[in-house]
Amino acid sequence: MASDVIVENHGTIFLFEPTSQAAKEWIAENVSDDAQYFAGKLAVEHRYASDLADGMRRDGLTLE
């Protein structure tokens, strides 16, 4: 089974790549409209990455 989101750790920035429609919808509903994206991936400061991942998991998304 494929993950809904692929997470890349780049030190101070984490990239969250939604790979399913459910993940895209979750991000649209739960992430601010002024969020930053890089190459189609949600760019998140390291201090927020854990909370974001926890919220995604809590709502049933799988992360890789």
PDB file of N, CA and C in Angstrom:
ATOM      1  N   MET A   1       0.846  -1.180   0.000  1.00  0.00           N
ATOM      2  CA  MET A   1       0.000   0.000   0.000  1.00  0.00           C
ATOM      3  C   MET A   1       0.893   1.246   0.000  1.00  0.00           C
ATOM      4  N   ALA A   2       0.616   2.151  -0.872  1.00  0.00           N
ATOM      5  CA  ALA A   2       1.389   3.388  -0.990  1.00  0.00           C
ATOM      6  C   ALA A   2       1.015   4.363   0.121  1.00  0.00           C
ATOM      7  N   SER A   3       1.972   5.166   0.530  1.00  0.00           N
ATOM      8  CA  SER A   3       1.733   6.194   1.546  1.00  0.00           C
ATOM      9  C   SER A   3       0.945   7.349   0.940  1.00  0.00           C
ATOM     10  N   ASP A   4       0.229   8.059   1.812  1.00  0.00           N
ATOM     11  CA  ASP A   4      -0.511   9.241   1.371  1.00  0.00           C
ATOM     12  C   ASP A   4       0.407  10.447   1.217  1.00  0.00           C
ATOM     13  N   VAL A   5       1.477  10.464   2.019  1.00  0.00           N
ATOM     14  CA  VAL A   5       2.397  11.598   2.033  1.00  0.00           C
ATOM     15  C   VAL A   5       3.829  11.079   2.147  1.00  0.00           C
ATOM     16  N   ILE A   6       4.702  11.617   1.333  1.00  0.00           N
ATOM     17  CA  ILE A   6       6.127  11.324   1.451  1.00  0.00           C
ATOM     18  C   ILE A   6       6.781  12.540   2.097  1.00  0.00           C
ATOM     19  N   VAL A   7       7.509  12.295   3.180  1.00  0.00           N
ATOM     20  CA  VAL A   7       8.140  13.370   3.934  1.00  0.00           C
ATOM     21  C   VAL A   7       9.649  13.320   3.712  1.00  0.00           C
ATOM     22  N   GLU A   8      10.219  14.468   3.360  1.00  0.00           N
ATOM     23  CA  GLU A   8      11.665  14.584   3.164  1.00  0.00           C
ATOM     24  C   GLU A   8      12.227  15.556   4.199  1.00  0.00           C
ATOM     25  N   ASN A   9      13.260  15.113   4.916  1.00  0.00           N
ATOM     26  CA  ASN A   9      13.917  15.943   5.913  1.00  0.00           C
ATOM     27  C   ASN A   9      15.137  16.599   5.269  1.00  0.00           C
ATOM     28  N   HIS A  10      15.112  17.926   5.191  1.00  0.00           N
ATOM     29  CA  HIS A  10      16.231  18.688   4.634  1.00  0.00           C
ATOM     30  C   HIS A  10      16.836  19.608   5.692  1.00  0.00           C
ATOM     31  N   GLY A  11      16.887  19.109   6.916  1.00  0.00           N
ATOM     32  CA  GLY A  11      17.474  19.888   8.006  1.00  0.00           C
ATOM     33  C   GLY A  11      16.495  20.868   8.607  1.00  0.00           C
ATOM     34  N   THR A  12      16.559  22.109   8.193  1.00  0.00           N
ATOM     35  CA  THR A  12      15.661  23.115   8.759  1.00  0.00           C
ATOM     36  C   THR A  12      14.309  23.156   8.051  1.00  0.00           C
ATOM     37  N   ILE A  13      14.208  22.491   6.923  1.00  0.00           N
ATOM     38  CA  ILE A  13      12.946  22.448   6.158  1.00  0.00           C
ATOM     39  C   ILE A  13      12.562  20.990   5.905  1.00  0.00           C
ATOM     40  N   PHE A  14      11.284  20.712   6.096  1.00  0.00           N
ATOM     41  CA  PHE A  14      10.729  19.418   5.725  1.00  0.00           C
ATOM     42  C   PHE A  14       9.802  19.638   4.537  1.00  0.00           C
ATOM     43  N   LEU A  15       9.821  18.714   3.598  1.00  0.00           N
ATOM     44  CA  LEU A  15       8.920  18.767   2.455  1.00  0.00           C
ATOM     45  C   LEU A  15       7.911  17.643   2.575  1.00  0.00           C
ATOM     46  N   PHE A  16       6.645  17.980   2.478  1.00  0.00           N
ATOM     47  CA  PHE A  16       5.552  17.014   2.552  1.00  0.00           C
ATOM     48  C   PHE A  16       4.939  16.925   1.156  1.00  0.00           C
ATOM     49  N   GLU A  17       5.099  15.768   0.527  1.00  0.00           N
ATOM     50  CA  GLU A  17       4.578  15.563  -0.819  1.00  0.00           C
ATOM     51  C   GLU A  17       3.308  14.716  -0.754  1.00  0.00           C
ATOM     52  N   PRO A  18       2.151  15.322  -1.027  1.00  0.00           N
ATOM     53  CA  PRO A  18       0.913  14.535  -1.016  1.00  0.00           C
ATOM     54  C   PRO A  18       0.871  13.626  -2.249  1.00  0.00           C
ATOM     55  N   THR A  19       0.647  12.338  -2.019  1.00  0.00           N
ATOM     56  CA  THR A  19       0.625  11.380  -3.121  1.00  0.00           C
ATOM     57  C   THR A  19      -0.750  10.762  -3.333  1.00  0.00           C
ATOM     58  N   SER A  20      -1.710  11.158  -2.511  1.00  0.00           N
ATOM     59  CA  SER A  20      -3.076  10.657  -2.672  1.00  0.00           C
ATOM     60  C   SER A  20      -4.043  11.837  -2.678  1.00  0.00           C
ATOM     61  N   GLN A  21      -5.208  11.593  -3.191  1.00  0.00           N
ATOM     62  CA  GLN A  21      -6.242  12.633  -3.191  1.00  0.00           C
ATOM     63  C   GLN A  21      -6.625  12.993  -1.764  1.00  0.00           C
ATOM     64  N   ALA A  22      -6.669  11.998  -0.884  1.00  0.00           N
ATOM     65  CA  ALA A  22      -7.009  12.257   0.518  1.00  0.00           C
ATOM     66  C   ALA A  22      -6.006  13.220   1.152  1.00  0.00           C
ATOM     67  N   ALA A  23      -4.730  13.052   0.852  1.00  0.00           N
ATOM     68  CA  ALA A  23      -3.699  13.935   1.401  1.00  0.00           C
ATOM     69  C   ALA A  23      -3.832  15.351   0.842  1.00  0.00           C
ATOM     70  N   LYS A  24      -4.112  15.458  -0.441  1.00  0.00           N
ATOM     71  CA  LYS A  24      -4.298  16.777  -1.056  1.00  0.00           C
ATOM     72  C   LYS A  24      -5.478  17.499  -0.419  1.00  0.00           C
ATOM     73  N   GLU A  25      -6.565  16.780  -0.190  1.00  0.00           N
ATOM     74  CA  GLU A  25      -7.741  17.368   0.434  1.00  0.00           C
ATOM     75  C   GLU A  25      -7.451  17.757   1.882  1.00  0.00           C
ATOM     76  N   TRP A  26      -6.712  16.906   2.597  1.00  0.00           N
ATOM     77  CA  TRP A  26      -6.365  17.208   3.988  1.00  0.00           C
ATOM     78  C   TRP A  26      -5.567  18.500   4.070  1.00  0.00           C
ATOM     79  N   ILE A  27      -4.581  18.629   3.213  1.00  0.00           N
ATOM     80  CA  ILE A  27      -3.756  19.839   3.203  1.00  0.00           C
ATOM     81  C   ILE A  27      -4.611  21.060   2.866  1.00  0.00           C
ATOM     82  N   ALA A  28      -5.485  20.947   1.894  1.00  0.00           N
ATOM     83  CA  ALA A  28      -6.354  22.070   1.514  1.00  0.00           C
ATOM     84  C   ALA A  28      -7.244  22.510   2.678  1.00  0.00           C
ATOM     85  N   GLU A  29      -7.681  21.554   3.488  1.00  0.00           N
ATOM     86  CA  GLU A  29      -8.586  21.850   4.596  1.00  0.00           C
ATOM     87  C   GLU A  29      -7.865  22.283   5.870  1.00  0.00           C
ATOM     88  N   ASN A  30      -6.624  21.873   6.050  1.00  0.00           N
ATOM     89  CA  ASN A  30      -5.950  22.054   7.337  1.00  0.00           C
ATOM     90  C   ASN A  30      -4.719  22.945   7.326  1.00  0.00           C
ATOM     91  N   VAL A  31      -4.247  23.338   6.161  1.00  0.00           N
ATOM     92  CA  VAL A  31      -3.034  24.151   6.066  1.00  0.00           C
ATOM     93  C   VAL A  31      -3.414  25.535   5.528  1.00  0.00           C
ATOM     94  N   SER A  32      -2.812  26.547   6.082  1.00  0.00           N
ATOM     95  CA  SER A  32      -3.085  27.931   5.705  1.00  0.00           C
ATOM     96  C   SER A  32      -2.907  28.162   4.202  1.00  0.00           C
ATOM     97  N   ASP A  33      -3.723  29.030   3.662  1.00  0.00           N
ATOM     98  CA  ASP A  33      -3.651  29.358   2.232  1.00  0.00           C
ATOM     99  C   ASP A  33      -2.327  30.012   1.839  1.00  0.00           C
ATOM    100  N   ASP A  34      -1.629  30.607   2.796  1.00  0.00           N
ATOM    101  CA  ASP A  34      -0.360  31.262   2.477  1.00  0.00           C
ATOM    102  C   ASP A  34       0.852  30.354   2.710  1.00  0.00           C
ATOM    103  N   ALA A  35       0.609  29.057   2.781  1.00  0.00           N
ATOM    104  CA  ALA A  35       1.702  28.094   2.959  1.00  0.00           C
ATOM    105  C   ALA A  35       2.652  28.155   1.764  1.00  0.00           C
ATOM    106  N   GLN A  36       3.884  27.762   2.019  1.00  0.00           N
ATOM    107  CA  GLN A  36       4.911  27.777   0.980  1.00  0.00           C
ATOM    108  C   GLN A  36       5.057  26.387   0.360  1.00  0.00           C
ATOM    109  N   TYR A  37       5.230  26.348  -0.942  1.00  0.00           N
ATOM    110  CA  TYR A  37       5.423  25.098  -1.670  1.00  0.00           C
ATOM    111  C   TYR A  37       6.718  25.173  -2.467  1.00  0.00           C
ATOM    112  N   PHE A  38       7.351  24.017  -2.613  1.00  0.00           N
ATOM    113  CA  PHE A  38       8.558  23.899  -3.417  1.00  0.00           C
ATOM    114  C   PHE A  38       8.409  22.655  -4.267  1.00  0.00           C
ATOM    115  N   ALA A  39       8.362  22.840  -5.576  1.00  0.00           N
ATOM    116  CA  ALA A  39       8.204  21.729  -6.527  1.00  0.00           C
ATOM    117  C   ALA A  39       6.972  20.883  -6.201  1.00  0.00           C
ATOM    118  N   GLY A  40       5.891  21.543  -5.841  1.00  0.00           N
ATOM    119  CA  GLY A  40       4.639  20.850  -5.561  1.00  0.00           C
ATOM    120  C   GLY A  40       4.562  20.203  -4.195  1.00  0.00           C
ATOM    121  N   LYS A  41       5.568  20.440  -3.352  1.00  0.00           N
ATOM    122  CA  LYS A  41       5.614  19.855  -2.012  1.00  0.00           C
ATOM    123  C   LYS A  41       5.447  20.965  -0.985  1.00  0.00           C
ATOM    124  N   LEU A  42       4.707  20.665   0.060  1.00  0.00           N
ATOM    125  CA  LEU A  42       4.501  21.626   1.140  1.00  0.00           C
ATOM    126  C   LEU A  42       5.798  21.774   1.926  1.00  0.00           C
ATOM    127  N   ALA A  43       6.324  22.974   2.006  1.00  0.00           N
ATOM    128  CA  ALA A  43       7.567  23.255   2.727  1.00  0.00           C
ATOM    129  C   ALA A  43       7.226  23.739   4.129  1.00  0.00           C
ATOM    130  N   VAL A  44       7.796  23.058   5.135  1.00  0.00           N
ATOM    131  CA  VAL A  44       7.452  23.327   6.527  1.00  0.00           C
ATOM    132  C   VAL A  44       8.738  23.457   7.349  1.00  0.00           C
ATOM    133  N   GLU A  45       8.797  24.479   8.200  1.00  0.00           N
ATOM    134  CA  GLU A  45       9.937  24.616   9.105  1.00  0.00           C
ATOM    135  C   GLU A  45       9.990  23.412  10.034  1.00  0.00           C
ATOM    136  N   HIS A  46      11.209  23.030  10.408  1.00  0.00           N
ATOM    137  CA  HIS A  46      11.395  21.830  11.224  1.00  0.00           C
ATOM    138  C   HIS A  46      10.607  21.874  12.531  1.00  0.00           C
ATOM    139  N   ARG A  47      10.412  23.029  13.104  1.00  0.00           N
ATOM    140  CA  ARG A  47       9.707  23.126  14.385  1.00  0.00           C
ATOM    141  C   ARG A  47       8.216  22.818  14.281  1.00  0.00           C
ATOM    142  N   TYR A  48       7.655  22.852  13.069  1.00  0.00           N
ATOM    143  CA  TYR A  48       6.240  22.548  12.869  1.00  0.00           C
ATOM    144  C   TYR A  48       6.001  21.183  12.244  1.00  0.00           C
ATOM    145  N   ALA A  49       7.041  20.563  11.735  1.00  0.00           N
ATOM    146  CA  ALA A  49       6.894  19.318  10.977  1.00  0.00           C
ATOM    147  C   ALA A  49       6.290  18.189  11.799  1.00  0.00           C
ATOM    148  N   SER A  50       6.719  18.033  13.026  1.00  0.00           N
ATOM    149  CA  SER A  50       6.216  16.945  13.868  1.00  0.00           C
ATOM    150  C   SER A  50       4.723  17.089  14.136  1.00  0.00           C
ATOM    151  N   ASP A  51       4.293  18.303  14.460  1.00  0.00           N
ATOM    152  CA  ASP A  51       2.863  18.530  14.716  1.00  0.00           C
ATOM    153  C   ASP A  51       2.030  18.282  13.461  1.00  0.00           C
ATOM    154  N   LEU A  52       2.548  18.707  12.326  1.00  0.00           N
ATOM    155  CA  LEU A  52       1.838  18.480  11.067  1.00  0.00           C
ATOM    156  C   LEU A  52       1.710  16.989  10.788  1.00  0.00           C
ATOM    157  N   ALA A  53       2.806  16.261  10.932  1.00  0.00           N
ATOM    158  CA  ALA A  53       2.786  14.814  10.701  1.00  0.00           C
ATOM    159  C   ALA A  53       1.836  14.124  11.676  1.00  0.00           C
ATOM    160  N   ASP A  54       1.855  14.534  12.941  1.00  0.00           N
ATOM    161  CA  ASP A  54       0.957  13.941  13.939  1.00  0.00           C
ATOM    162  C   ASP A  54      -0.503  14.176  13.557  1.00  0.00           C
ATOM    163  N   GLY A  55      -0.825  15.374  13.104  1.00  0.00           N
ATOM    164  CA  GLY A  55      -2.198  15.676  12.694  1.00  0.00           C
ATOM    165  C   GLY A  55      -2.636  14.844  11.505  1.00  0.00           C
ATOM    166  N   MET A  56      -1.743  14.678  10.558  1.00  0.00           N
ATOM    167  CA  MET A  56      -2.061  13.851   9.389  1.00  0.00           C
ATOM    168  C   MET A  56      -2.330  12.406   9.804  1.00  0.00           C
ATOM    169  N   ARG A  57      -1.454  11.874  10.655  1.00  0.00           N
ATOM    170  CA  ARG A  57      -1.632  10.487  11.126  1.00  0.00           C
ATOM    171  C   ARG A  57      -2.917  10.340  11.926  1.00  0.00           C
ATOM    172  N   ARG A  58      -3.197  11.299  12.790  1.00  0.00           N
ATOM    173  CA  ARG A  58      -4.405  11.262  13.611  1.00  0.00           C
ATOM    174  C   ARG A  58      -5.665  11.179  12.747  1.00  0.00           C
ATOM    175  N   ASP A  59      -5.597  11.808  11.580  1.00  0.00           N
ATOM    176  CA  ASP A  59      -6.758  11.813  10.682  1.00  0.00           C
ATOM    177  C   ASP A  59      -6.700  10.678   9.666  1.00  0.00           C
ATOM    178  N   GLY A  60      -5.805   9.723   9.884  1.00  0.00           N
ATOM    179  CA  GLY A  60      -5.814   8.497   9.096  1.00  0.00           C
ATOM    180  C   GLY A  60      -4.901   8.443   7.883  1.00  0.00           C
ATOM    181  N   LEU A  61      -4.098   9.484   7.666  1.00  0.00           N
ATOM    182  CA  LEU A  61      -3.171   9.451   6.535  1.00  0.00           C
ATOM    183  C   LEU A  61      -1.929   8.646   6.909  1.00  0.00           C
ATOM    184  N   THR A  62      -1.309   8.039   5.922  1.00  0.00           N
ATOM    185  CA  THR A  62      -0.067   7.307   6.146  1.00  0.00           C
ATOM    186  C   THR A  62       1.087   8.120   5.575  1.00  0.00           C
ATOM    187  N   LEU A  63       2.203   8.120   6.313  1.00  0.00           N
ATOM    188  CA  LEU A  63       3.377   8.893   5.911  1.00  0.00           C
ATOM    189  C   LEU A  63       4.572   7.975   5.714  1.00  0.00           C
ATOM    190  N   GLU A  64       5.404   8.351   4.796  1.00  0.00           N
ATOM    191  CA  GLU A  64       6.637   7.609   4.511  1.00  0.00           C
ATOM    192  C   GLU A  64       7.819   8.517   4.677  1.00  0.00           C
TER     193      GLU A  64
END
